[in-house]
Amino acid sequence: MDYSFDRFLRYDEMCAWLRATAAAHPQLLTVESYGRSYEGRELLLATITDHTTGAHDTKPAHWVDANIHAIEVTGGVAALYLVHHLVTSTAPDVVEARRTRTFYIAPRVNPDGVEAALAESPVFRRSSMRPWPWRDGHLAPGLHERDLDGDGTIRTMRVPDPTGGWMASADEPRLMVRVPDHGVFDTTPRYR
């Protein structure tokens, strides 16, 4: 399959291109599945190394992944171009990199979201098509204020953290309030 990296490939096209490229460069590239997406698509991993100088798992490695977020599809094209460059280039530095390193490239970590974004009638999600797991008002994992010992008092410990999500209330310094979405732009102490 000829691909000029000038457009976004749909999932089936991407899989076909990866497998055709692996077939054309079997001494350098293998493609395997490392699992399935929420909607059942194979998650593909391209492993690139010069097999004549050792197995992939005997060399220092580089990991590249793309398309984690559904609508950030440009990264997937860049990952596919990297696969192409690494298996076709005869530049001395690339040849040396293949000889001494392994490259693991997952070009589409979120195939369901990308397919939805590239559909005839696009559906845009920031991340996965998987629904939020709790539909019953369940609180998300994290800090939830509660009376741990049943004495009617909720106690917390302030841990200073310059990027923390909490700060003392301007009206009542004993009370912790969330840092506003726009952040704080002064020297207000922050806590977690």
N, C-alpha and C. Protein backbone atom coordinates (compact mmCIF):
# COMPACT_ATOMS: atom_id res chain seq x y z
N MET A 1 0.85 -1.18 0.00
CA MET A 1 0.00 0.00 0.00
C MET A 1 0.89 1.25 0.00
N ASP A 2 0.65 2.13 -0.91
CA ASP A 2 1.42 3.36 -1.01
C ASP A 2 0.79 4.42 -0.10
N TYR A 3 1.61 5.05 0.73
CA TYR A 3 1.12 6.05 1.66
C TYR A 3 2.13 7.18 1.71
N SER A 4 1.68 8.41 1.45
CA SER A 4 2.56 9.57 1.39
C SER A 4 2.52 10.41 2.67
N PHE A 5 1.85 9.93 3.72
CA PHE A 5 1.77 10.64 5.00
C PHE A 5 1.14 12.01 4.85
N ASP A 6 0.19 12.10 3.93
CA ASP A 6 -0.48 13.36 3.62
C ASP A 6 -1.96 13.34 4.00
N ARG A 7 -2.36 12.30 4.71
CA ARG A 7 -3.75 12.19 5.13
C ARG A 7 -3.82 11.26 6.35
N PHE A 8 -4.97 11.27 6.99
CA PHE A 8 -5.16 10.42 8.16
C PHE A 8 -5.73 9.09 7.69
N LEU A 9 -5.10 8.00 8.08
CA LEU A 9 -5.57 6.68 7.70
C LEU A 9 -6.66 6.20 8.65
N ARG A 10 -7.69 5.57 8.09
CA ARG A 10 -8.68 4.89 8.92
C ARG A 10 -8.01 3.65 9.49
N TYR A 11 -8.63 3.03 10.46
CA TYR A 11 -8.02 1.92 11.19
C TYR A 11 -7.61 0.78 10.25
N ASP A 12 -8.50 0.32 9.38
CA ASP A 12 -8.17 -0.82 8.50
C ASP A 12 -7.01 -0.48 7.56
N GLU A 13 -6.98 0.75 7.07
CA GLU A 13 -5.87 1.17 6.21
C GLU A 13 -4.55 1.19 6.97
N MET A 14 -4.59 1.69 8.21
CA MET A 14 -3.38 1.74 9.02
C MET A 14 -2.84 0.33 9.27
N CYS A 15 -3.73 -0.60 9.62
CA CYS A 15 -3.32 -1.99 9.87
C CYS A 15 -2.72 -2.60 8.61
N ALA A 16 -3.38 -2.38 7.47
CA ALA A 16 -2.88 -2.94 6.21
C ALA A 16 -1.52 -2.34 5.87
N TRP A 17 -1.35 -1.04 6.07
CA TRP A 17 -0.06 -0.40 5.77
C TRP A 17 1.04 -0.95 6.67
N LEU A 18 0.77 -1.08 7.95
CA LEU A 18 1.77 -1.61 8.88
C LEU A 18 2.18 -3.03 8.49
N ARG A 19 1.19 -3.86 8.19
CA ARG A 19 1.50 -5.26 7.85
C ARG A 19 2.24 -5.36 6.51
N ALA A 20 1.87 -4.53 5.55
CA ALA A 20 2.57 -4.53 4.25
C ALA A 20 4.01 -4.05 4.43
N THR A 21 4.21 -3.05 5.27
CA THR A 21 5.56 -2.55 5.52
C THR A 21 6.40 -3.61 6.22
N ALA A 22 5.80 -4.34 7.16
CA ALA A 22 6.52 -5.43 7.84
C ALA A 22 6.87 -6.54 6.85
N ALA A 23 5.97 -6.85 5.94
CA ALA A 23 6.24 -7.89 4.95
C ALA A 23 7.38 -7.46 4.02
N ALA A 24 7.47 -6.17 3.74
CA ALA A 24 8.53 -5.67 2.86
C ALA A 24 9.88 -5.56 3.57
N HIS A 25 9.87 -5.53 4.89
CA HIS A 25 11.11 -5.36 5.68
C HIS A 25 11.16 -6.35 6.84
N PRO A 26 11.08 -7.67 6.56
CA PRO A 26 10.98 -8.64 7.65
C PRO A 26 12.23 -8.71 8.54
N GLN A 27 13.37 -8.28 8.02
CA GLN A 27 14.59 -8.31 8.82
C GLN A 27 14.66 -7.16 9.81
N LEU A 28 13.74 -6.19 9.67
CA LEU A 28 13.77 -5.00 10.53
C LEU A 28 12.50 -4.78 11.35
N LEU A 29 11.36 -5.20 10.83
CA LEU A 29 10.07 -4.81 11.41
C LEU A 29 9.17 -6.00 11.66
N THR A 30 8.63 -6.06 12.87
CA THR A 30 7.56 -7.00 13.18
C THR A 30 6.37 -6.21 13.70
N VAL A 31 5.18 -6.69 13.43
CA VAL A 31 3.96 -6.06 13.90
C VAL A 31 3.17 -7.12 14.66
N GLU A 32 2.78 -6.76 15.88
CA GLU A 32 2.01 -7.71 16.68
C GLU A 32 0.94 -6.97 17.47
N SER A 33 -0.02 -7.73 17.92
CA SER A 33 -1.11 -7.18 18.72
C SER A 33 -0.73 -7.26 20.19
N TYR A 34 -0.97 -6.17 20.93
CA TYR A 34 -0.71 -6.21 22.37
C TYR A 34 -2.00 -6.14 23.17
N GLY A 35 -3.13 -6.32 22.50
CA GLY A 35 -4.42 -6.33 23.18
C GLY A 35 -5.52 -5.88 22.25
N ARG A 36 -6.68 -5.62 22.83
CA ARG A 36 -7.83 -5.15 22.06
C ARG A 36 -8.41 -3.90 22.72
N SER A 37 -8.96 -3.04 21.88
CA SER A 37 -9.58 -1.82 22.37
C SER A 37 -10.95 -2.13 22.97
N TYR A 38 -11.58 -1.14 23.54
CA TYR A 38 -12.91 -1.30 24.13
C TYR A 38 -13.90 -1.82 23.09
N GLU A 39 -13.80 -1.35 21.85
CA GLU A 39 -14.71 -1.78 20.78
C GLU A 39 -14.18 -3.00 20.02
N GLY A 40 -13.09 -3.59 20.49
CA GLY A 40 -12.61 -4.85 19.92
C GLY A 40 -11.54 -4.76 18.85
N ARG A 41 -11.02 -3.58 18.58
CA ARG A 41 -9.96 -3.46 17.57
C ARG A 41 -8.62 -3.90 18.15
N GLU A 42 -7.80 -4.54 17.31
CA GLU A 42 -6.47 -4.92 17.75
C GLU A 42 -5.62 -3.67 18.00
N LEU A 43 -4.85 -3.70 19.07
CA LEU A 43 -3.89 -2.65 19.37
C LEU A 43 -2.55 -3.13 18.84
N LEU A 44 -2.02 -2.44 17.85
CA LEU A 44 -0.82 -2.91 17.16
C LEU A 44 0.44 -2.23 17.66
N LEU A 45 1.50 -3.02 17.71
CA LEU A 45 2.82 -2.54 18.10
C LEU A 45 3.81 -2.90 17.02
N ALA A 46 4.52 -1.89 16.53
CA ALA A 46 5.60 -2.11 15.55
C ALA A 46 6.91 -2.16 16.32
N THR A 47 7.66 -3.24 16.11
CA THR A 47 8.97 -3.39 16.75
C THR A 47 10.01 -3.34 15.66
N ILE A 48 10.94 -2.38 15.79
CA ILE A 48 11.94 -2.16 14.75
C ILE A 48 13.33 -2.32 15.35
N THR A 49 14.09 -3.21 14.75
CA THR A 49 15.50 -3.40 15.09
C THR A 49 16.13 -4.25 13.99
N ASP A 50 17.43 -4.21 13.90
CA ASP A 50 18.14 -5.07 12.96
C ASP A 50 18.31 -6.42 13.64
N HIS A 51 17.53 -7.39 13.19
CA HIS A 51 17.53 -8.71 13.83
C HIS A 51 18.86 -9.45 13.66
N THR A 52 19.67 -9.04 12.68
CA THR A 52 20.96 -9.71 12.48
C THR A 52 21.97 -9.35 13.57
N THR A 53 21.68 -8.29 14.33
CA THR A 53 22.61 -7.88 15.39
C THR A 53 22.07 -8.21 16.78
N GLY A 54 21.00 -8.97 16.85
CA GLY A 54 20.45 -9.38 18.13
C GLY A 54 18.95 -9.22 18.20
N ALA A 55 18.36 -9.94 19.13
CA ALA A 55 16.92 -9.89 19.33
C ALA A 55 16.51 -8.53 19.91
N HIS A 56 15.28 -8.16 19.66
CA HIS A 56 14.78 -6.85 20.13
C HIS A 56 14.93 -6.66 21.62
N ASP A 57 14.77 -7.73 22.39
CA ASP A 57 14.80 -7.59 23.85
C ASP A 57 16.21 -7.66 24.45
N THR A 58 17.22 -7.60 23.58
CA THR A 58 18.60 -7.60 24.08
C THR A 58 19.28 -6.25 23.91
N LYS A 59 18.52 -5.26 23.41
CA LYS A 59 19.09 -3.94 23.11
C LYS A 59 18.37 -2.85 23.90
N PRO A 60 19.04 -1.73 24.13
CA PRO A 60 18.33 -0.58 24.72
C PRO A 60 17.15 -0.20 23.82
N ALA A 61 16.08 0.27 24.43
CA ALA A 61 14.86 0.49 23.66
C ALA A 61 14.34 1.92 23.77
N HIS A 62 13.57 2.28 22.75
CA HIS A 62 12.85 3.56 22.71
C HIS A 62 11.39 3.23 22.52
N TRP A 63 10.51 3.90 23.28
CA TRP A 63 9.07 3.68 23.18
C TRP A 63 8.43 4.93 22.59
N VAL A 64 7.57 4.75 21.60
CA VAL A 64 6.82 5.85 21.00
C VAL A 64 5.37 5.41 20.93
N ASP A 65 4.45 6.26 21.41
CA ASP A 65 3.03 5.97 21.20
C ASP A 65 2.33 7.22 20.72
N ALA A 66 1.21 7.02 20.05
CA ALA A 66 0.47 8.14 19.48
C ALA A 66 -1.03 7.85 19.53
N ASN A 67 -1.80 8.87 19.26
CA ASN A 67 -3.26 8.79 19.24
C ASN A 67 -3.83 8.27 20.54
N ILE A 68 -3.31 8.81 21.64
CA ILE A 68 -3.89 8.49 22.94
C ILE A 68 -5.23 9.21 23.05
N HIS A 69 -5.26 10.48 22.67
CA HIS A 69 -6.50 11.25 22.66
C HIS A 69 -7.13 11.15 21.27
N ALA A 70 -8.42 11.01 21.25
CA ALA A 70 -9.15 10.69 20.03
C ALA A 70 -8.92 11.66 18.87
N ILE A 71 -8.88 12.95 19.15
CA ILE A 71 -8.82 13.90 18.04
C ILE A 71 -7.42 14.40 17.73
N GLU A 72 -6.42 13.87 18.42
CA GLU A 72 -5.03 14.27 18.16
C GLU A 72 -4.41 13.30 17.17
N VAL A 73 -4.95 13.29 15.95
CA VAL A 73 -4.59 12.27 14.96
C VAL A 73 -3.28 12.55 14.24
N THR A 74 -2.77 13.77 14.32
CA THR A 74 -1.51 14.09 13.65
C THR A 74 -0.36 13.25 14.21
N GLY A 75 -0.37 12.98 15.50
CA GLY A 75 0.67 12.16 16.11
C GLY A 75 0.73 10.77 15.51
N GLY A 76 -0.41 10.22 15.12
CA GLY A 76 -0.44 8.91 14.49
C GLY A 76 0.26 8.91 13.14
N VAL A 77 0.07 9.97 12.38
CA VAL A 77 0.76 10.09 11.09
C VAL A 77 2.27 10.19 11.34
N ALA A 78 2.66 10.96 12.35
CA ALA A 78 4.09 11.09 12.67
C ALA A 78 4.67 9.74 13.08
N ALA A 79 3.92 8.96 13.87
CA ALA A 79 4.40 7.64 14.29
C ALA A 79 4.56 6.71 13.09
N LEU A 80 3.62 6.75 12.15
CA LEU A 80 3.74 5.91 10.96
C LEU A 80 4.92 6.37 10.10
N TYR A 81 5.13 7.67 10.02
CA TYR A 81 6.28 8.16 9.27
C TYR A 81 7.59 7.70 9.92
N LEU A 82 7.62 7.70 11.25
CA LEU A 82 8.81 7.22 11.96
C LEU A 82 9.07 5.75 11.63
N VAL A 83 8.03 4.94 11.59
CA VAL A 83 8.18 3.53 11.19
C VAL A 83 8.81 3.47 9.81
N HIS A 84 8.23 4.22 8.87
CA HIS A 84 8.72 4.24 7.49
C HIS A 84 10.19 4.68 7.45
N HIS A 85 10.51 5.75 8.13
CA HIS A 85 11.88 6.28 8.12
C HIS A 85 12.88 5.27 8.69
N LEU A 86 12.51 4.65 9.79
CA LEU A 86 13.43 3.72 10.43
C LEU A 86 13.68 2.46 9.60
N VAL A 87 12.71 2.04 8.80
CA VAL A 87 12.93 0.81 8.01
C VAL A 87 13.44 1.07 6.60
N THR A 88 13.35 2.32 6.12
CA THR A 88 13.77 2.59 4.74
C THR A 88 15.04 3.41 4.62
N SER A 89 15.39 4.15 5.66
CA SER A 89 16.54 5.04 5.56
C SER A 89 17.86 4.26 5.51
N THR A 90 18.76 4.76 4.68
CA THR A 90 20.12 4.19 4.62
C THR A 90 21.15 5.16 5.23
N ALA A 91 20.66 6.21 5.87
CA ALA A 91 21.56 7.16 6.53
C ALA A 91 22.36 6.43 7.61
N PRO A 92 23.65 6.71 7.71
CA PRO A 92 24.49 5.98 8.67
C PRO A 92 23.97 6.02 10.11
N ASP A 93 23.43 7.15 10.55
CA ASP A 93 22.95 7.21 11.93
C ASP A 93 21.70 6.34 12.14
N VAL A 94 20.86 6.24 11.12
CA VAL A 94 19.66 5.39 11.23
C VAL A 94 20.07 3.92 11.19
N VAL A 95 20.99 3.56 10.32
CA VAL A 95 21.49 2.19 10.25
C VAL A 95 22.09 1.79 11.60
N GLU A 96 22.88 2.69 12.19
CA GLU A 96 23.50 2.42 13.49
C GLU A 96 22.43 2.30 14.58
N ALA A 97 21.42 3.14 14.52
CA ALA A 97 20.34 3.07 15.51
C ALA A 97 19.62 1.72 15.42
N ARG A 98 19.32 1.27 14.22
CA ARG A 98 18.67 -0.04 14.06
C ARG A 98 19.57 -1.17 14.55
N ARG A 99 20.87 -1.03 14.31
CA ARG A 99 21.83 -2.07 14.67
C ARG A 99 21.96 -2.20 16.19
N THR A 100 21.89 -1.07 16.90
CA THR A 100 22.18 -1.07 18.33
C THR A 100 20.99 -0.81 19.24
N ARG A 101 19.84 -0.52 18.70
CA ARG A 101 18.66 -0.16 19.49
C ARG A 101 17.42 -0.89 18.98
N THR A 102 16.39 -0.84 19.81
CA THR A 102 15.06 -1.33 19.42
C THR A 102 14.09 -0.17 19.57
N PHE A 103 13.19 -0.05 18.63
CA PHE A 103 12.15 0.98 18.67
C PHE A 103 10.80 0.27 18.75
N TYR A 104 10.05 0.58 19.79
CA TYR A 104 8.69 0.06 19.93
C TYR A 104 7.75 1.22 19.64
N ILE A 105 6.92 1.06 18.64
CA ILE A 105 6.04 2.16 18.23
C ILE A 105 4.59 1.66 18.21
N ALA A 106 3.76 2.27 19.07
CA ALA A 106 2.32 2.00 19.10
C ALA A 106 1.65 3.20 18.43
N PRO A 107 1.35 3.10 17.12
CA PRO A 107 0.90 4.27 16.39
C PRO A 107 -0.53 4.72 16.69
N ARG A 108 -1.33 3.86 17.31
CA ARG A 108 -2.71 4.25 17.60
C ARG A 108 -3.17 3.56 18.87
N VAL A 109 -2.93 4.21 19.99
CA VAL A 109 -3.30 3.65 21.29
C VAL A 109 -4.82 3.66 21.48
N ASN A 110 -5.51 4.59 20.85
CA ASN A 110 -6.95 4.76 21.01
C ASN A 110 -7.65 4.64 19.65
N PRO A 111 -7.67 3.45 19.05
CA PRO A 111 -8.26 3.34 17.72
C PRO A 111 -9.76 3.63 17.69
N ASP A 112 -10.47 3.35 18.76
CA ASP A 112 -11.92 3.60 18.77
C ASP A 112 -12.22 5.10 18.68
N GLY A 113 -11.52 5.88 19.49
CA GLY A 113 -11.74 7.33 19.47
C GLY A 113 -11.33 7.95 18.15
N VAL A 114 -10.21 7.48 17.57
CA VAL A 114 -9.76 8.02 16.29
C VAL A 114 -10.76 7.67 15.19
N GLU A 115 -11.26 6.43 15.19
CA GLU A 115 -12.25 6.05 14.19
C GLU A 115 -13.50 6.91 14.29
N ALA A 116 -13.93 7.19 15.52
CA ALA A 116 -15.09 8.05 15.72
C ALA A 116 -14.81 9.46 15.19
N ALA A 117 -13.60 9.97 15.41
CA ALA A 117 -13.24 11.31 14.97
C ALA A 117 -13.11 11.40 13.45
N LEU A 118 -12.71 10.30 12.80
CA LEU A 118 -12.52 10.30 11.35
C LEU A 118 -13.74 9.80 10.58
N ALA A 119 -14.82 9.47 11.27
CA ALA A 119 -16.02 8.92 10.64
C ALA A 119 -16.69 9.95 9.73
N GLU A 120 -17.55 9.45 8.84
CA GLU A 120 -18.32 10.34 7.96
C GLU A 120 -19.11 11.38 8.76
N SER A 121 -19.70 10.94 9.86
CA SER A 121 -20.35 11.85 10.81
C SER A 121 -19.53 11.78 12.09
N PRO A 122 -18.53 12.65 12.21
CA PRO A 122 -17.58 12.54 13.32
C PRO A 122 -18.22 12.67 14.70
N VAL A 123 -17.67 11.90 15.63
CA VAL A 123 -18.01 12.00 17.03
C VAL A 123 -16.70 12.34 17.73
N PHE A 124 -16.68 13.47 18.41
CA PHE A 124 -15.44 13.91 19.03
C PHE A 124 -15.47 13.65 20.53
N ARG A 125 -14.55 12.83 20.97
CA ARG A 125 -14.33 12.56 22.38
C ARG A 125 -12.89 12.92 22.68
N ARG A 126 -12.64 13.40 23.86
CA ARG A 126 -11.26 13.71 24.22
C ARG A 126 -10.43 12.45 24.30
N SER A 127 -11.04 11.40 24.80
CA SER A 127 -10.28 10.19 25.05
C SER A 127 -11.03 8.99 24.50
N SER A 128 -11.21 7.99 25.30
CA SER A 128 -11.77 6.71 24.87
C SER A 128 -13.27 6.77 24.62
N MET A 129 -13.75 5.81 23.87
CA MET A 129 -15.18 5.66 23.66
C MET A 129 -15.81 4.90 24.82
N ARG A 130 -14.98 4.37 25.69
CA ARG A 130 -15.46 3.62 26.86
C ARG A 130 -16.25 4.57 27.75
N PRO A 131 -17.45 4.17 28.19
CA PRO A 131 -18.23 5.05 29.07
C PRO A 131 -17.61 5.13 30.47
N TRP A 132 -17.90 6.22 31.14
CA TRP A 132 -17.45 6.38 32.52
C TRP A 132 -18.03 5.21 33.31
N PRO A 133 -17.24 4.56 34.14
CA PRO A 133 -17.69 3.30 34.74
C PRO A 133 -18.80 3.42 35.78
N TRP A 134 -19.03 4.60 36.35
CA TRP A 134 -20.02 4.70 37.41
C TRP A 134 -21.17 5.60 36.97
N ARG A 135 -22.33 5.03 36.78
CA ARG A 135 -23.50 5.80 36.36
C ARG A 135 -24.42 6.11 37.55
N ASP A 136 -24.04 5.68 38.75
CA ASP A 136 -24.91 5.81 39.92
C ASP A 136 -24.52 6.97 40.83
N GLY A 137 -23.77 7.94 40.31
CA GLY A 137 -23.34 9.05 41.14
C GLY A 137 -22.15 8.70 41.99
N HIS A 138 -21.55 7.57 41.75
CA HIS A 138 -20.36 7.13 42.48
C HIS A 138 -19.28 8.19 42.36
N LEU A 139 -18.60 8.44 43.43
CA LEU A 139 -17.52 9.41 43.40
C LEU A 139 -16.30 8.83 42.70
N ALA A 140 -15.66 9.66 41.90
CA ALA A 140 -14.44 9.24 41.23
C ALA A 140 -13.37 8.95 42.27
N PRO A 141 -12.38 8.11 41.92
CA PRO A 141 -11.30 7.85 42.87
C PRO A 141 -10.61 9.16 43.26
N GLY A 142 -10.13 9.22 44.49
CA GLY A 142 -9.41 10.41 44.94
C GLY A 142 -9.79 10.77 46.35
N LEU A 143 -9.58 12.02 46.71
CA LEU A 143 -9.84 12.49 48.06
C LEU A 143 -11.33 12.75 48.25
N HIS A 144 -11.92 12.13 49.27
CA HIS A 144 -13.32 12.36 49.61
C HIS A 144 -13.39 12.59 51.11
N GLU A 145 -13.90 13.76 51.46
CA GLU A 145 -13.97 14.13 52.86
C GLU A 145 -15.01 13.25 53.55
N ARG A 146 -14.62 12.69 54.73
CA ARG A 146 -15.57 11.90 55.51
C ARG A 146 -15.05 11.79 56.95
N ASP A 147 -15.96 11.49 57.82
CA ASP A 147 -15.66 11.31 59.24
C ASP A 147 -15.14 9.88 59.42
N LEU A 148 -13.83 9.74 59.56
CA LEU A 148 -13.21 8.41 59.60
C LEU A 148 -13.48 7.65 60.90
N ASP A 149 -13.55 8.37 62.01
CA ASP A 149 -13.69 7.66 63.28
C ASP A 149 -15.06 7.86 63.94
N GLY A 150 -15.98 8.51 63.24
CA GLY A 150 -17.34 8.66 63.74
C GLY A 150 -17.53 9.63 64.88
N ASP A 151 -16.56 10.52 65.10
CA ASP A 151 -16.68 11.47 66.22
C ASP A 151 -17.31 12.80 65.80
N GLY A 152 -17.77 12.88 64.56
CA GLY A 152 -18.41 14.10 64.09
C GLY A 152 -17.46 15.15 63.57
N THR A 153 -16.19 14.85 63.49
CA THR A 153 -15.19 15.80 63.02
C THR A 153 -14.44 15.21 61.84
N ILE A 154 -14.31 16.02 60.80
CA ILE A 154 -13.51 15.61 59.65
C ILE A 154 -12.17 16.33 59.76
N ARG A 155 -11.10 15.55 59.82
CA ARG A 155 -9.77 16.12 59.96
C ARG A 155 -9.00 15.89 58.66
N THR A 156 -8.16 16.84 58.34
CA THR A 156 -7.31 16.67 57.16
C THR A 156 -5.91 17.12 57.53
N MET A 157 -4.96 16.74 56.73
CA MET A 157 -3.59 17.18 56.94
C MET A 157 -3.18 17.95 55.70
N ARG A 158 -2.65 19.13 55.89
CA ARG A 158 -2.19 19.94 54.77
C ARG A 158 -0.74 19.58 54.46
N VAL A 159 -0.50 19.17 53.23
CA VAL A 159 0.85 18.88 52.79
C VAL A 159 1.22 19.95 51.77
N PRO A 160 2.19 20.82 52.07
CA PRO A 160 2.57 21.87 51.10
C PRO A 160 2.98 21.25 49.76
N ASP A 161 2.45 21.83 48.69
CA ASP A 161 2.73 21.34 47.35
C ASP A 161 2.50 22.51 46.39
N PRO A 162 3.55 23.02 45.73
CA PRO A 162 3.37 24.19 44.87
C PRO A 162 2.40 23.96 43.70
N THR A 163 2.12 22.70 43.39
CA THR A 163 1.15 22.41 42.32
C THR A 163 -0.10 21.76 42.87
N GLY A 164 -0.28 21.79 44.18
CA GLY A 164 -1.44 21.16 44.82
C GLY A 164 -2.75 21.78 44.38
N GLY A 165 -3.82 21.04 44.58
CA GLY A 165 -5.15 21.48 44.17
C GLY A 165 -5.94 22.20 45.23
N TRP A 166 -5.33 22.48 46.39
CA TRP A 166 -6.03 23.12 47.50
C TRP A 166 -5.26 24.33 48.02
N MET A 167 -6.01 25.28 48.59
CA MET A 167 -5.40 26.45 49.22
C MET A 167 -6.31 26.87 50.38
N ALA A 168 -5.75 27.68 51.27
CA ALA A 168 -6.55 28.16 52.41
C ALA A 168 -7.57 29.19 51.91
N SER A 169 -8.75 29.16 52.48
CA SER A 169 -9.79 30.11 52.13
C SER A 169 -9.37 31.52 52.56
N ALA A 170 -9.64 32.50 51.73
CA ALA A 170 -9.32 33.90 52.08
C ALA A 170 -10.21 34.37 53.23
N ASP A 171 -11.42 33.82 53.33
CA ASP A 171 -12.36 34.23 54.39
C ASP A 171 -12.12 33.50 55.70
N GLU A 172 -11.69 32.26 55.63
CA GLU A 172 -11.49 31.45 56.84
C GLU A 172 -10.28 30.56 56.61
N PRO A 173 -9.08 30.97 57.07
CA PRO A 173 -7.84 30.26 56.77
C PRO A 173 -7.80 28.81 57.27
N ARG A 174 -8.70 28.43 58.19
CA ARG A 174 -8.74 27.04 58.64
C ARG A 174 -9.45 26.14 57.63
N LEU A 175 -10.14 26.77 56.68
CA LEU A 175 -10.91 26.04 55.68
C LEU A 175 -10.11 25.92 54.39
N MET A 176 -10.02 24.70 53.85
CA MET A 176 -9.34 24.50 52.57
C MET A 176 -10.37 24.61 51.44
N VAL A 177 -9.99 25.29 50.37
CA VAL A 177 -10.85 25.40 49.19
C VAL A 177 -10.02 24.99 47.97
N ARG A 178 -10.72 24.56 46.95
CA ARG A 178 -10.02 24.16 45.72
C ARG A 178 -9.37 25.37 45.06
N VAL A 179 -8.22 25.16 44.47
CA VAL A 179 -7.59 26.20 43.66
C VAL A 179 -8.50 26.41 42.45
N PRO A 180 -8.81 27.65 42.09
CA PRO A 180 -9.69 27.90 40.94
C PRO A 180 -9.11 27.29 39.65
N ASP A 181 -10.00 27.00 38.71
CA ASP A 181 -9.58 26.41 37.43
C ASP A 181 -8.52 27.26 36.74
N HIS A 182 -8.61 28.57 36.88
CA HIS A 182 -7.62 29.45 36.23
C HIS A 182 -6.32 29.54 37.03
N GLY A 183 -6.26 28.86 38.18
CA GLY A 183 -5.04 28.84 38.99
C GLY A 183 -4.91 30.07 39.85
N VAL A 184 -3.78 30.18 40.50
CA VAL A 184 -3.45 31.37 41.28
C VAL A 184 -2.11 31.87 40.78
N PHE A 185 -2.00 33.18 40.64
CA PHE A 185 -0.82 33.76 40.01
C PHE A 185 0.03 34.56 40.97
N ASP A 186 -0.12 34.30 42.24
CA ASP A 186 0.71 34.98 43.22
C ASP A 186 1.43 33.94 44.06
N THR A 187 1.83 34.28 45.23
CA THR A 187 2.59 33.34 46.07
C THR A 187 1.69 32.61 47.05
N THR A 188 0.41 32.49 46.73
CA THR A 188 -0.52 31.78 47.61
C THR A 188 -0.01 30.35 47.85
N PRO A 189 0.18 29.96 49.10
CA PRO A 189 0.60 28.57 49.36
C PRO A 189 -0.48 27.59 48.88
N ARG A 190 -0.01 26.49 48.30
CA ARG A 190 -0.93 25.46 47.82
C ARG A 190 -0.61 24.15 48.53
N TYR A 191 -1.63 23.29 48.62
CA TYR A 191 -1.51 22.05 49.38
C TYR A 191 -2.17 20.90 48.61
N ARG A 192 -1.76 19.71 49.04
CA ARG A 192 -2.45 18.51 48.57
C ARG A 192 -2.94 17.76 49.77
